[in-house]
Amino acid sequence: MPLTPEEPQIHESAQGPRVTPAASRTAQTPRPVPGPRPAAVPRPGRPGPSPAAASRTGGAPRPAPPAQRAPQATPGPVAPAAPSVSAAVPQIQLIPASAEGALDAAEEAVDLLLDTGRAPGDILVLTTGDPHPWAAHELSFGEAAYWALHDAGDDVFYADAAQAERAAGRPVVVFAANGGPAGATATTLPTALARAGALLIVCGDPKQINSVLGKGV
């Protein structure tokens, strides 16, 4: 029976001749030669084959070395998350006021903004009814001079509903629903919301304002 790789056969020639005392050995009696060691008997001083090695058969394939194993698929780059839509929506504040008092409420809101450190060029005031006295005064010098002040962006700018579309956006828009033609608030308030970069202050009737915005503010 062939031996397993873990149990090589040891022959007498490998061990060399046994030396015995001359008094106990006779020339007429030759020394017997030991036979081969059975494969099932483990060699003294060495452990036998491990259970895993003994149970392994020639037909069972060994696992491939790490270098020969198929490479694992590397995940591709993760697409960045889309920016939040809410980051582009300005905050809305409502100051309840009648049509007659909406312009005064807007003026008080502007004064408070300036007192708290907001720059004058950051503020745009839109009206639905009579124009603000400042706008009426500046328009008396012609529209070119009036819009030149708008483009300079150095001071608070006042515009009515008819001029709201032409006005550029600013960080803060103050909207005064101070009357005017029917439907002026519904037409101008969405424009005011689009022009506001960070804050929209609405001065007017809460029920009317909420019906235009489609939500409570």
C-alpha atoms as a PDB file:
ATOM      1  CA  MET A   1       0.000   0.000   0.000  1.00  0.00           C
ATOM      2  CA  PRO A   2       1.489   3.401  -0.904  1.00  0.00           C
ATOM      3  CA  LEU A   3       2.066   5.846   1.942  1.00  0.00           C
ATOM      4  CA  THR A   4       0.472   9.223   2.285  1.00  0.00           C
ATOM      5  CA  PRO A   5       2.709  12.301   1.811  1.00  0.00           C
ATOM      6  CA  GLU A   6       2.601  12.965   5.547  1.00  0.00           C
ATOM      7  CA  GLU A   7       4.054   9.439   6.313  1.00  0.00           C
ATOM      8  CA  PRO A   8       7.220   8.701   4.316  1.00  0.00           C
ATOM      9  CA  GLN A   9       8.509   5.126   4.670  1.00  0.00           C
ATOM     10  CA  ILE A  10      11.733   4.701   6.579  1.00  0.00           C
ATOM     11  CA  HIS A  11      13.971   1.782   5.384  1.00  0.00           C
ATOM     12  CA  GLU A  12      16.687   0.111   7.285  1.00  0.00           C
ATOM     13  CA  SER A  13      19.283   1.470   4.888  1.00  0.00           C
ATOM     14  CA  ALA A  14      18.309   4.977   5.927  1.00  0.00           C
ATOM     15  CA  GLN A  15      18.767   4.199   9.571  1.00  0.00           C
ATOM     16  CA  GLY A  16      22.167   2.573   9.093  1.00  0.00           C
ATOM     17  CA  PRO A  17      23.343  -0.734  10.608  1.00  0.00           C
ATOM     18  CA  ARG A  18      22.474  -1.453  14.210  1.00  0.00           C
ATOM     19  CA  VAL A  19      25.500  -1.872  16.447  1.00  0.00           C
ATOM     20  CA  THR A  20      25.167  -4.429  19.226  1.00  0.00           C
ATOM     21  CA  PRO A  21      27.697  -5.559  21.795  1.00  0.00           C
ATOM     22  CA  ALA A  22      30.069  -8.250  20.517  1.00  0.00           C
ATOM     23  CA  ALA A  23      29.349 -10.565  23.444  1.00  0.00           C
ATOM     24  CA  SER A  24      25.622 -10.858  22.678  1.00  0.00           C
ATOM     25  CA  ARG A  25      25.831 -11.128  18.879  1.00  0.00           C
ATOM     26  CA  THR A  26      26.869 -14.254  17.006  1.00  0.00           C
ATOM     27  CA  ALA A  27      28.013 -14.449  13.454  1.00  0.00           C
ATOM     28  CA  GLN A  28      25.837 -17.470  12.713  1.00  0.00           C
ATOM     29  CA  THR A  29      22.562 -15.629  13.453  1.00  0.00           C
ATOM     30  CA  PRO A  30      21.908 -12.874  10.940  1.00  0.00           C
ATOM     31  CA  ARG A  31      20.027  -9.801  12.145  1.00  0.00           C
ATOM     32  CA  PRO A  32      16.437  -9.787  10.928  1.00  0.00           C
ATOM     33  CA  VAL A  33      15.468  -6.913   8.635  1.00  0.00           C
ATOM     34  CA  PRO A  34      12.319  -5.092   9.745  1.00  0.00           C
ATOM     35  CA  GLY A  35       9.499  -4.920   7.253  1.00  0.00           C
ATOM     36  CA  PRO A  36       7.860  -1.752   6.008  1.00  0.00           C
ATOM     37  CA  ARG A  37       5.801   0.250   8.506  1.00  0.00           C
ATOM     38  CA  PRO A  38       2.049   0.110   7.901  1.00  0.00           C
ATOM     39  CA  ALA A  39       0.651   3.294   6.448  1.00  0.00           C
ATOM     40  CA  ALA A  40      -2.028   3.594   9.113  1.00  0.00           C
ATOM     41  CA  VAL A  41       0.508   3.640  11.966  1.00  0.00           C
ATOM     42  CA  PRO A  42       1.825   7.149  12.571  1.00  0.00           C
ATOM     43  CA  ARG A  43       5.530   7.623  12.894  1.00  0.00           C
ATOM     44  CA  PRO A  44       6.653   7.837  16.530  1.00  0.00           C
ATOM     45  CA  GLY A  45       7.273  11.364  17.647  1.00  0.00           C
ATOM     46  CA  ARG A  46       5.254  12.928  14.796  1.00  0.00           C
ATOM     47  CA  PRO A  47       1.532  13.602  14.694  1.00  0.00           C
ATOM     48  CA  GLY A  48      -0.533  11.757  12.170  1.00  0.00           C
ATOM     49  CA  PRO A  49      -2.363  13.428   9.312  1.00  0.00           C
ATOM     50  CA  SER A  50      -4.838  16.114  10.387  1.00  0.00           C
ATOM     51  CA  PRO A  51      -8.558  15.299  10.170  1.00  0.00           C
ATOM     52  CA  ALA A  52      -8.933  17.858   7.381  1.00  0.00           C
ATOM     53  CA  ALA A  53      -6.128  16.241   5.371  1.00  0.00           C
ATOM     54  CA  ALA A  54      -7.420  12.713   6.039  1.00  0.00           C
ATOM     55  CA  SER A  55     -10.934  13.606   4.862  1.00  0.00           C
ATOM     56  CA  ARG A  56      -9.766  15.387   1.734  1.00  0.00           C
ATOM     57  CA  THR A  57     -10.168  13.353  -1.461  1.00  0.00           C
ATOM     58  CA  GLY A  58      -8.330  13.658  -4.710  1.00  0.00           C
ATOM     59  CA  GLY A  59     -11.503  14.743  -6.549  1.00  0.00           C
ATOM     60  CA  ALA A  60     -12.227  17.742  -4.291  1.00  0.00           C
ATOM     61  CA  PRO A  61     -10.559  20.883  -5.755  1.00  0.00           C
ATOM     62  CA  ARG A  62      -8.474  23.016  -3.448  1.00  0.00           C
ATOM     63  CA  PRO A  63      -9.405  26.692  -3.237  1.00  0.00           C
ATOM     64  CA  ALA A  64      -7.450  28.869  -5.629  1.00  0.00           C
ATOM     65  CA  PRO A  65      -4.669  31.030  -4.195  1.00  0.00           C
ATOM     66  CA  PRO A  66      -5.678  34.624  -3.494  1.00  0.00           C
ATOM     67  CA  ALA A  67      -3.780  35.873  -6.552  1.00  0.00           C
ATOM     68  CA  GLN A  68      -5.763  33.527  -8.849  1.00  0.00           C
ATOM     69  CA  ARG A  69      -9.232  34.220  -7.479  1.00  0.00           C
ATOM     70  CA  ALA A  70     -11.556  36.317  -9.610  1.00  0.00           C
ATOM     71  CA  PRO A  71     -11.320  39.996  -8.621  1.00  0.00           C
ATOM     72  CA  GLN A  72     -14.352  41.393  -6.885  1.00  0.00           C
ATOM     73  CA  ALA A  73     -16.287  44.097  -8.690  1.00  0.00           C
ATOM     74  CA  THR A  74     -15.366  47.555  -7.467  1.00  0.00           C
ATOM     75  CA  PRO A  75     -18.408  49.747  -6.819  1.00  0.00           C
ATOM     76  CA  GLY A  76     -18.570  52.806  -9.019  1.00  0.00           C
ATOM     77  CA  PRO A  77     -18.668  56.380  -7.765  1.00  0.00           C
ATOM     78  CA  VAL A  78     -21.783  57.369  -5.866  1.00  0.00           C
ATOM     79  CA  ALA A  79     -23.735  60.174  -7.470  1.00  0.00           C
ATOM     80  CA  PRO A  80     -23.910  63.293  -5.255  1.00  0.00           C
ATOM     81  CA  ALA A  81     -27.218  63.971  -3.591  1.00  0.00           C
ATOM     82  CA  ALA A  82     -29.413  66.543  -5.259  1.00  0.00           C
ATOM     83  CA  PRO A  83     -29.461  69.940  -3.513  1.00  0.00           C
ATOM     84  CA  SER A  84     -32.403  70.598  -1.235  1.00  0.00           C
ATOM     85  CA  VAL A  85     -35.220  72.549  -2.879  1.00  0.00           C
ATOM     86  CA  SER A  86     -36.100  74.209   0.420  1.00  0.00           C
ATOM     87  CA  ALA A  87     -32.695  75.963   0.416  1.00  0.00           C
ATOM     88  CA  ALA A  88     -33.917  78.200  -2.490  1.00  0.00           C
ATOM     89  CA  VAL A  89     -37.272  79.076  -0.894  1.00  0.00           C
ATOM     90  CA  PRO A  90     -37.223  82.331   1.095  1.00  0.00           C
ATOM     91  CA  GLN A  91     -38.708  82.663   4.537  1.00  0.00           C
ATOM     92  CA  ILE A  92     -42.118  84.357   4.563  1.00  0.00           C
ATOM     93  CA  GLN A  93     -43.368  86.656   7.323  1.00  0.00           C
ATOM     94  CA  LEU A  94     -46.882  88.087   7.427  1.00  0.00           C
ATOM     95  CA  ILE A  95     -47.764  91.392   9.067  1.00  0.00           C
ATOM     96  CA  PRO A  96     -51.567  91.711   9.275  1.00  0.00           C
ATOM     97  CA  ALA A  97     -52.722  95.077   7.951  1.00  0.00           C
ATOM     98  CA  SER A  98     -55.634  96.625   6.145  1.00  0.00           C
ATOM     99  CA  ALA A  99     -55.272  98.026   2.643  1.00  0.00           C
ATOM    100  CA  GLU A 100     -55.080 101.519   4.137  1.00  0.00           C
ATOM    101  CA  GLY A 101     -52.401 100.572   6.677  1.00  0.00           C
ATOM    102  CA  ALA A 102     -50.314  98.191   4.566  1.00  0.00           C
ATOM    103  CA  LEU A 103     -47.906 100.886   3.354  1.00  0.00           C
ATOM    104  CA  ASP A 104     -47.270 102.165   6.891  1.00  0.00           C
ATOM    105  CA  ALA A 105     -46.660  98.585   8.056  1.00  0.00           C
ATOM    106  CA  ALA A 106     -44.181  98.130   5.228  1.00  0.00           C
ATOM    107  CA  GLU A 107     -42.340 101.298   6.269  1.00  0.00           C
ATOM    108  CA  GLU A 108     -42.085 100.055   9.837  1.00  0.00           C
ATOM    109  CA  ALA A 109     -40.719  96.733   8.565  1.00  0.00           C
ATOM    110  CA  VAL A 110     -38.049  98.559   6.526  1.00  0.00           C
ATOM    111  CA  ASP A 111     -37.032 100.657   9.543  1.00  0.00           C
ATOM    112  CA  LEU A 112     -36.702  97.525  11.658  1.00  0.00           C
ATOM    113  CA  LEU A 113     -34.574  95.821   9.011  1.00  0.00           C
ATOM    114  CA  LEU A 114     -32.221  98.785   8.825  1.00  0.00           C
ATOM    115  CA  ASP A 115     -32.016  99.040  12.620  1.00  0.00           C
ATOM    116  CA  THR A 116     -30.981  95.378  12.856  1.00  0.00           C
ATOM    117  CA  GLY A 117     -28.090  95.828  10.418  1.00  0.00           C
ATOM    118  CA  ARG A 118     -29.600  95.034   7.019  1.00  0.00           C
ATOM    119  CA  ALA A 119     -28.000  97.134   4.264  1.00  0.00           C
ATOM    120  CA  PRO A 120     -30.355  99.523   2.420  1.00  0.00           C
ATOM    121  CA  GLY A 121     -29.370  98.032  -0.931  1.00  0.00           C
ATOM    122  CA  ASP A 122     -30.630  94.624   0.237  1.00  0.00           C
ATOM    123  CA  ILE A 123     -34.268  95.773   0.402  1.00  0.00           C
ATOM    124  CA  LEU A 124     -36.904  96.006  -2.332  1.00  0.00           C
ATOM    125  CA  VAL A 125     -40.412  97.327  -1.542  1.00  0.00           C
ATOM    126  CA  LEU A 126     -43.319  96.468  -3.852  1.00  0.00           C
ATOM    127  CA  THR A 127     -46.791  98.017  -3.639  1.00  0.00           C
ATOM    128  CA  THR A 128     -50.096  97.055  -5.275  1.00  0.00           C
ATOM    129  CA  GLY A 129     -51.888 100.395  -4.920  1.00  0.00           C
ATOM    130  CA  ASP A 130     -50.571 103.942  -4.724  1.00  0.00           C
ATOM    131  CA  PRO A 131     -46.799 104.118  -5.213  1.00  0.00           C
ATOM    132  CA  HIS A 132     -44.568 104.952  -2.289  1.00  0.00           C
ATOM    133  CA  PRO A 133     -43.859 108.717  -2.030  1.00  0.00           C
ATOM    134  CA  TRP A 134     -40.169 108.077  -2.711  1.00  0.00           C
ATOM    135  CA  ALA A 135     -40.973 106.272  -5.980  1.00  0.00           C
ATOM    136  CA  ALA A 136     -43.362 109.031  -7.053  1.00  0.00           C
ATOM    137  CA  HIS A 137     -40.701 111.656  -6.348  1.00  0.00           C
ATOM    138  CA  GLU A 138     -37.915 109.860  -8.239  1.00  0.00           C
ATOM    139  CA  LEU A 139     -40.150 109.124 -11.222  1.00  0.00           C
ATOM    140  CA  SER A 140     -40.748 112.854 -11.578  1.00  0.00           C
ATOM    141  CA  PHE A 141     -37.128 113.091 -12.840  1.00  0.00           C
ATOM    142  CA  GLY A 142     -37.791 110.516 -15.549  1.00  0.00           C
ATOM    143  CA  GLU A 143     -37.697 106.793 -15.761  1.00  0.00           C
ATOM    144  CA  ALA A 144     -34.039 106.711 -16.815  1.00  0.00           C
ATOM    145  CA  ALA A 145     -32.937 108.385 -13.581  1.00  0.00           C
ATOM    146  CA  TYR A 146     -35.363 106.237 -11.579  1.00  0.00           C
ATOM    147  CA  TRP A 147     -34.003 102.916 -12.933  1.00  0.00           C
ATOM    148  CA  ALA A 148     -30.432 104.154 -12.639  1.00  0.00           C
ATOM    149  CA  LEU A 149     -30.993 104.276  -8.875  1.00  0.00           C
ATOM    150  CA  HIS A 150     -32.336 100.729  -9.069  1.00  0.00           C
ATOM    151  CA  ASP A 151     -29.266  99.511 -10.949  1.00  0.00           C
ATOM    152  CA  ALA A 152     -26.880 101.259  -8.521  1.00  0.00           C
ATOM    153  CA  GLY A 153     -28.354  99.200  -5.659  1.00  0.00           C
ATOM    154  CA  ASP A 154     -27.173 101.640  -2.988  1.00  0.00           C
ATOM    155  CA  ASP A 155     -30.521 102.337  -1.304  1.00  0.00           C
ATOM    156  CA  VAL A 156     -33.953 100.880  -0.610  1.00  0.00           C
ATOM    157  CA  PHE A 157     -35.838 100.714  -3.893  1.00  0.00           C
ATOM    158  CA  TYR A 158     -39.610 101.184  -4.174  1.00  0.00           C
ATOM    159  CA  ALA A 159     -41.670  99.971  -7.119  1.00  0.00           C
ATOM    160  CA  ASP A 160     -45.378  99.469  -7.769  1.00  0.00           C
ATOM    161  CA  ALA A 161     -47.149  96.492  -9.299  1.00  0.00           C
ATOM    162  CA  ALA A 162     -46.652  97.786 -12.849  1.00  0.00           C
ATOM    163  CA  GLN A 163     -42.869  97.920 -12.366  1.00  0.00           C
ATOM    164  CA  ALA A 164     -42.443  94.763 -10.285  1.00  0.00           C
ATOM    165  CA  GLU A 165     -41.504  92.557 -13.233  1.00  0.00           C
ATOM    166  CA  ARG A 166     -38.637  94.857 -14.195  1.00  0.00           C
ATOM    167  CA  ALA A 167     -37.200  95.064 -10.686  1.00  0.00           C
ATOM    168  CA  ALA A 168     -34.292  92.761  -9.957  1.00  0.00           C
ATOM    169  CA  GLY A 169     -34.231  90.420  -7.000  1.00  0.00           C
ATOM    170  CA  ARG A 170     -32.819  91.407  -3.621  1.00  0.00           C
ATOM    171  CA  PRO A 171     -32.186  89.497  -0.386  1.00  0.00           C
ATOM    172  CA  VAL A 172     -35.295  91.002   1.267  1.00  0.00           C
ATOM    173  CA  VAL A 173     -38.582  91.984  -0.394  1.00  0.00           C
ATOM    174  CA  VAL A 174     -41.284  93.866   1.501  1.00  0.00           C
ATOM    175  CA  PHE A 175     -44.693  93.531  -0.128  1.00  0.00           C
ATOM    176  CA  ALA A 176     -47.484  95.988   0.697  1.00  0.00           C
ATOM    177  CA  ALA A 177     -50.998  94.965  -0.398  1.00  0.00           C
ATOM    178  CA  ASN A 178     -52.300  98.538  -0.241  1.00  0.00           C
ATOM    179  CA  GLY A 179     -55.232  98.250  -2.610  1.00  0.00           C
ATOM    180  CA  GLY A 180     -55.075  98.924  -6.307  1.00  0.00           C
ATOM    181  CA  PRO A 181     -56.932  97.162  -9.113  1.00  0.00           C
ATOM    182  CA  ALA A 182     -58.787  93.924  -8.399  1.00  0.00           C
ATOM    183  CA  GLY A 183     -56.429  91.011  -8.610  1.00  0.00           C
ATOM    184  CA  ALA A 184     -53.312  93.181  -8.140  1.00  0.00           C
ATOM    185  CA  THR A 185     -52.258  91.207  -5.072  1.00  0.00           C
ATOM    186  CA  ALA A 186     -52.772  87.851  -6.791  1.00  0.00           C
ATOM    187  CA  THR A 187     -50.704  89.053  -9.774  1.00  0.00           C
ATOM    188  CA  THR A 188     -47.853  90.790  -7.922  1.00  0.00           C
ATOM    189  CA  LEU A 189     -47.339  88.574  -4.863  1.00  0.00           C
ATOM    190  CA  PRO A 190     -45.856  85.630  -6.839  1.00  0.00           C
ATOM    191  CA  THR A 191     -43.422  88.088  -8.437  1.00  0.00           C
ATOM    192  CA  ALA A 192     -42.454  89.374  -4.997  1.00  0.00           C
ATOM    193  CA  LEU A 193     -41.811  85.814  -3.836  1.00  0.00           C
ATOM    194  CA  ALA A 194     -39.639  85.145  -6.883  1.00  0.00           C
ATOM    195  CA  ARG A 195     -37.592  88.304  -6.256  1.00  0.00           C
ATOM    196  CA  ALA A 196     -36.908  87.544  -2.572  1.00  0.00           C
ATOM    197  CA  GLY A 197     -33.588  85.839  -1.979  1.00  0.00           C
ATOM    198  CA  ALA A 198     -33.858  85.140   1.774  1.00  0.00           C
ATOM    199  CA  LEU A 199     -36.919  86.865   3.247  1.00  0.00           C
ATOM    200  CA  LEU A 200     -40.342  88.025   2.053  1.00  0.00           C
ATOM    201  CA  ILE A 201     -42.346  90.274   4.391  1.00  0.00           C
ATOM    202  CA  VAL A 202     -45.996  90.600   3.376  1.00  0.00           C
ATOM    203  CA  CYS A 203     -48.150  93.385   4.797  1.00  0.00           C
ATOM    204  CA  GLY A 204     -51.867  92.912   4.119  1.00  0.00           C
ATOM    205  CA  ASP A 205     -55.010  90.939   4.858  1.00  0.00           C
ATOM    206  CA  PRO A 206     -53.990  87.425   6.053  1.00  0.00           C
ATOM    207  CA  LYS A 207     -56.973  85.716   4.426  1.00  0.00           C
ATOM    208  CA  GLN A 208     -56.233  87.282   1.055  1.00  0.00           C
ATOM    209  CA  ILE A 209     -52.506  86.626   1.304  1.00  0.00           C
ATOM    210  CA  ASN A 210     -52.971  82.974   2.243  1.00  0.00           C
ATOM    211  CA  SER A 211     -55.385  82.396  -0.612  1.00  0.00           C
ATOM    212  CA  VAL A 212     -52.771  83.657  -3.062  1.00  0.00           C
ATOM    213  CA  LEU A 213     -49.831  81.728  -1.620  1.00  0.00           C
ATOM    214  CA  GLY A 214     -51.908  78.581  -1.231  1.00  0.00           C
ATOM    215  CA  LYS A 215     -50.718  77.963   2.340  1.00  0.00           C
ATOM    216  CA  GLY A 216     -50.701  79.568   5.757  1.00  0.00           C
ATOM    217  CA  VAL A 217     -47.737  81.795   6.572  1.00  0.00           C
END
